[in-house]
Amino acid sequence: MKGHWKKQFNYDYLGSYSLDGKKEAVVTITKLDNDKVIGQKGREEDCFVVHFKEFDKPMILNRTNSKAIEKVAGSGLVQDWQGTQVTLYVEKGVKAFGDVVDALRIRDKKPSKVKMDEEIFKQMEHAIGIGKHVQVENAMSKYYMTKEQQGSLEGLIFKKKKK
């Protein structure tokens, strides 16, 4: 068994534990919705949520994270946010709900990318070969790469997932 202890429970939404100890993760917005959420006092409320390509569960958006997406997307219109890449990170020591907790946050600047060189490409190919295709898939968004490099890595990942 691996990962954060909170991942052992069936939470419906992403939280600080979702990064599994990673410093940050670059993700792509696929959809925004309103969901009915049961609050801490058992009361049902509508919450604004965002779905990411890289995660199965959505994230509940608060004002802080919504403002960060607005800044990165360059628009306050939620219909303009789809396809925007943002960086998730964990902020420690946030006061919420009468407690001090770790909070999942969105950086208010565009994710920085690095040009993929041949060495990084070979390392990614090797990582896919030894079963770390999920990690490679998550890391790909951090690199500028040629269409050939991207197609090659995606093909290897697809083959690994089919096994």
Protein backbone atom coordinates (compact mmCIF):
# COMPACT_ATOMS: atom_id res chain seq x y z
CA MET A 1 0.00 0.00 0.00
CA LYS A 2 1.36 3.42 -0.97
CA GLY A 3 0.30 7.07 -0.93
CA HIS A 4 -1.25 9.47 1.51
CA TRP A 5 -3.49 7.90 4.17
CA LYS A 6 -6.45 10.02 3.02
CA LYS A 7 -6.34 8.20 -0.33
CA GLN A 8 -7.49 5.07 1.55
CA PHE A 9 -10.94 6.64 1.94
CA ASN A 10 -13.46 7.28 -0.81
CA TYR A 11 -13.37 11.06 -1.06
CA ASP A 12 -15.32 12.44 -4.01
CA TYR A 13 -13.10 15.49 -4.57
CA LEU A 14 -9.41 16.28 -4.88
CA GLY A 15 -7.56 17.53 -1.82
CA SER A 16 -4.01 18.28 -0.73
CA TYR A 17 -3.39 14.53 -0.38
CA SER A 18 -4.09 14.04 -4.11
CA LEU A 19 -0.59 15.15 -5.11
CA ASP A 20 0.90 12.20 -3.18
CA GLY A 21 3.81 14.22 -1.83
CA LYS A 22 4.70 15.83 -5.17
CA LYS A 23 5.65 19.49 -4.92
CA GLU A 24 3.27 20.43 -7.72
CA ALA A 25 1.44 19.08 -10.77
CA VAL A 26 0.61 20.73 -14.08
CA VAL A 27 -2.97 19.87 -15.07
CA THR A 28 -5.36 20.75 -17.89
CA ILE A 29 -8.91 21.98 -17.27
CA THR A 30 -11.45 19.86 -19.18
CA LYS A 31 -14.76 20.95 -17.67
CA LEU A 32 -16.37 23.19 -15.04
CA ASP A 33 -19.61 22.33 -13.25
CA ASN A 34 -21.78 22.90 -10.22
CA ASP A 35 -22.09 19.85 -7.95
CA LYS A 36 -24.32 19.20 -4.95
CA VAL A 37 -21.95 18.67 -2.03
CA ILE A 38 -22.74 17.60 1.52
CA GLY A 39 -21.01 20.10 3.81
CA GLN A 40 -19.42 19.46 7.19
CA LYS A 41 -22.71 20.05 9.01
CA GLY A 42 -24.56 17.62 6.72
CA ARG A 43 -26.16 20.43 4.73
CA GLU A 44 -26.34 20.11 0.95
CA GLU A 45 -24.92 23.03 -1.01
CA ASP A 46 -24.01 23.83 -4.61
CA CYS A 47 -20.27 24.03 -5.21
CA PHE A 48 -18.31 25.21 -8.24
CA VAL A 49 -16.00 22.38 -9.37
CA VAL A 50 -13.28 21.93 -11.98
CA HIS A 51 -12.36 18.70 -13.76
CA PHE A 52 -8.79 18.00 -14.91
CA LYS A 53 -7.58 15.66 -17.65
CA GLU A 54 -5.00 14.19 -15.27
CA PHE A 55 -7.38 13.24 -12.41
CA ASP A 56 -10.55 11.15 -12.17
CA LYS A 57 -12.06 13.33 -9.44
CA PRO A 58 -12.98 17.02 -9.66
CA MET A 59 -11.71 19.77 -7.36
CA ILE A 60 -14.05 22.10 -5.47
CA LEU A 61 -13.15 25.67 -6.39
CA ASN A 62 -13.08 28.44 -3.84
CA ARG A 63 -12.62 32.14 -4.60
CA THR A 64 -8.83 31.99 -4.18
CA ASN A 65 -8.40 29.21 -6.73
CA SER A 66 -11.00 30.71 -9.09
CA LYS A 67 -9.10 34.01 -9.12
CA ALA A 68 -5.88 32.13 -9.86
CA ILE A 69 -7.47 30.39 -12.87
CA GLU A 70 -8.86 33.72 -14.07
CA LYS A 71 -5.37 35.21 -13.98
CA VAL A 72 -3.79 32.27 -15.83
CA ALA A 73 -6.58 32.03 -18.42
CA GLY A 74 -6.66 35.80 -18.94
CA SER A 75 -10.44 35.82 -18.61
CA GLY A 76 -13.09 35.81 -15.92
CA LEU A 77 -15.46 33.91 -18.23
CA VAL A 78 -15.56 30.25 -17.22
CA GLN A 79 -16.22 29.17 -20.81
CA ASP A 80 -12.72 30.47 -21.62
CA TRP A 81 -11.06 28.28 -18.99
CA GLN A 82 -11.45 24.91 -20.73
CA GLY A 83 -8.09 23.72 -22.07
CA THR A 84 -6.14 26.04 -19.74
CA GLN A 85 -3.15 24.47 -18.04
CA VAL A 86 -2.63 25.37 -14.38
CA THR A 87 -0.27 24.26 -11.64
CA LEU A 88 -1.64 22.58 -8.51
CA TYR A 89 0.35 22.78 -5.29
CA VAL A 90 -0.18 22.31 -1.55
CA GLU A 91 -0.27 25.32 0.75
CA LYS A 92 0.45 24.39 4.35
CA GLY A 93 -1.04 26.06 7.41
CA VAL A 94 -4.33 27.35 5.96
CA LYS A 95 -7.01 28.27 8.49
CA ALA A 96 -10.27 26.64 7.44
CA PHE A 97 -13.31 25.27 9.22
CA GLY A 98 -11.87 26.13 12.65
CA ASP A 99 -8.69 24.17 12.01
CA VAL A 100 -5.27 24.61 10.39
CA VAL A 101 -4.97 22.36 7.34
CA ASP A 102 -3.06 21.77 4.11
CA ALA A 103 -4.98 23.16 1.15
CA LEU A 104 -4.86 22.26 -2.53
CA ARG A 105 -4.16 25.49 -4.42
CA ILE A 106 -3.76 26.72 -7.99
CA ARG A 107 -0.81 28.96 -8.82
CA ASP A 108 -1.76 32.35 -10.29
CA LYS A 109 0.85 32.16 -13.04
CA LYS A 110 1.13 30.03 -16.16
CA PRO A 111 3.08 26.79 -15.78
CA SER A 112 6.61 27.06 -17.08
CA LYS A 113 7.75 24.55 -19.67
CA VAL A 114 11.21 23.25 -20.52
CA LYS A 115 12.37 22.21 -23.99
CA MET A 116 12.64 18.45 -24.17
CA ASP A 117 16.14 17.33 -25.09
CA GLU A 118 17.22 13.87 -26.24
CA GLU A 119 18.38 12.83 -22.74
CA ILE A 120 15.00 13.64 -21.13
CA PHE A 121 13.22 11.87 -23.99
CA LYS A 122 15.32 8.72 -23.48
CA GLN A 123 14.68 8.83 -19.72
CA MET A 124 10.94 9.05 -20.35
CA GLU A 125 11.05 6.13 -22.79
CA HIS A 126 12.93 4.09 -20.18
CA ALA A 127 10.48 5.06 -17.43
CA ILE A 128 7.54 3.94 -19.56
CA GLY A 129 9.34 0.66 -20.23
CA ILE A 130 9.69 -0.10 -16.52
CA GLY A 131 6.04 0.69 -15.75
CA LYS A 132 6.18 4.35 -14.78
CA HIS A 133 3.93 5.44 -17.65
CA VAL A 134 1.53 7.33 -15.36
CA GLN A 135 4.36 9.50 -14.04
CA VAL A 136 5.61 10.17 -17.58
CA GLU A 137 2.10 11.04 -18.75
CA ASN A 138 1.78 13.55 -15.89
CA ALA A 139 5.23 15.04 -16.59
CA MET A 140 4.75 15.49 -20.35
CA SER A 141 2.82 18.74 -19.93
CA LYS A 142 5.93 20.34 -18.43
CA TYR A 143 7.87 20.05 -21.71
CA TYR A 144 7.88 21.62 -25.12
CA MET A 145 8.39 18.73 -27.53
CA THR A 146 8.10 17.94 -31.19
CA LYS A 147 4.98 16.23 -32.51
CA GLU A 148 7.13 13.19 -33.22
CA GLN A 149 8.38 13.02 -29.62
CA GLN A 150 4.87 13.47 -28.25
CA GLY A 151 3.42 10.85 -30.61
CA SER A 152 6.15 8.36 -29.74
CA LEU A 153 5.66 8.76 -25.97
CA GLU A 154 1.87 8.65 -26.24
CA GLY A 155 2.12 5.46 -28.34
CA LEU A 156 4.35 3.78 -25.75
CA ILE A 157 2.01 4.85 -22.94
CA PHE A 158 -1.01 3.51 -24.85
CA LYS A 159 0.71 0.13 -25.34
CA LYS A 160 1.65 -0.03 -21.65
CA LYS A 161 -1.91 0.75 -20.55
CA LYS A 162 -3.30 -2.07 -22.73
CA LYS A 163 -1.14 -4.67 -20.92
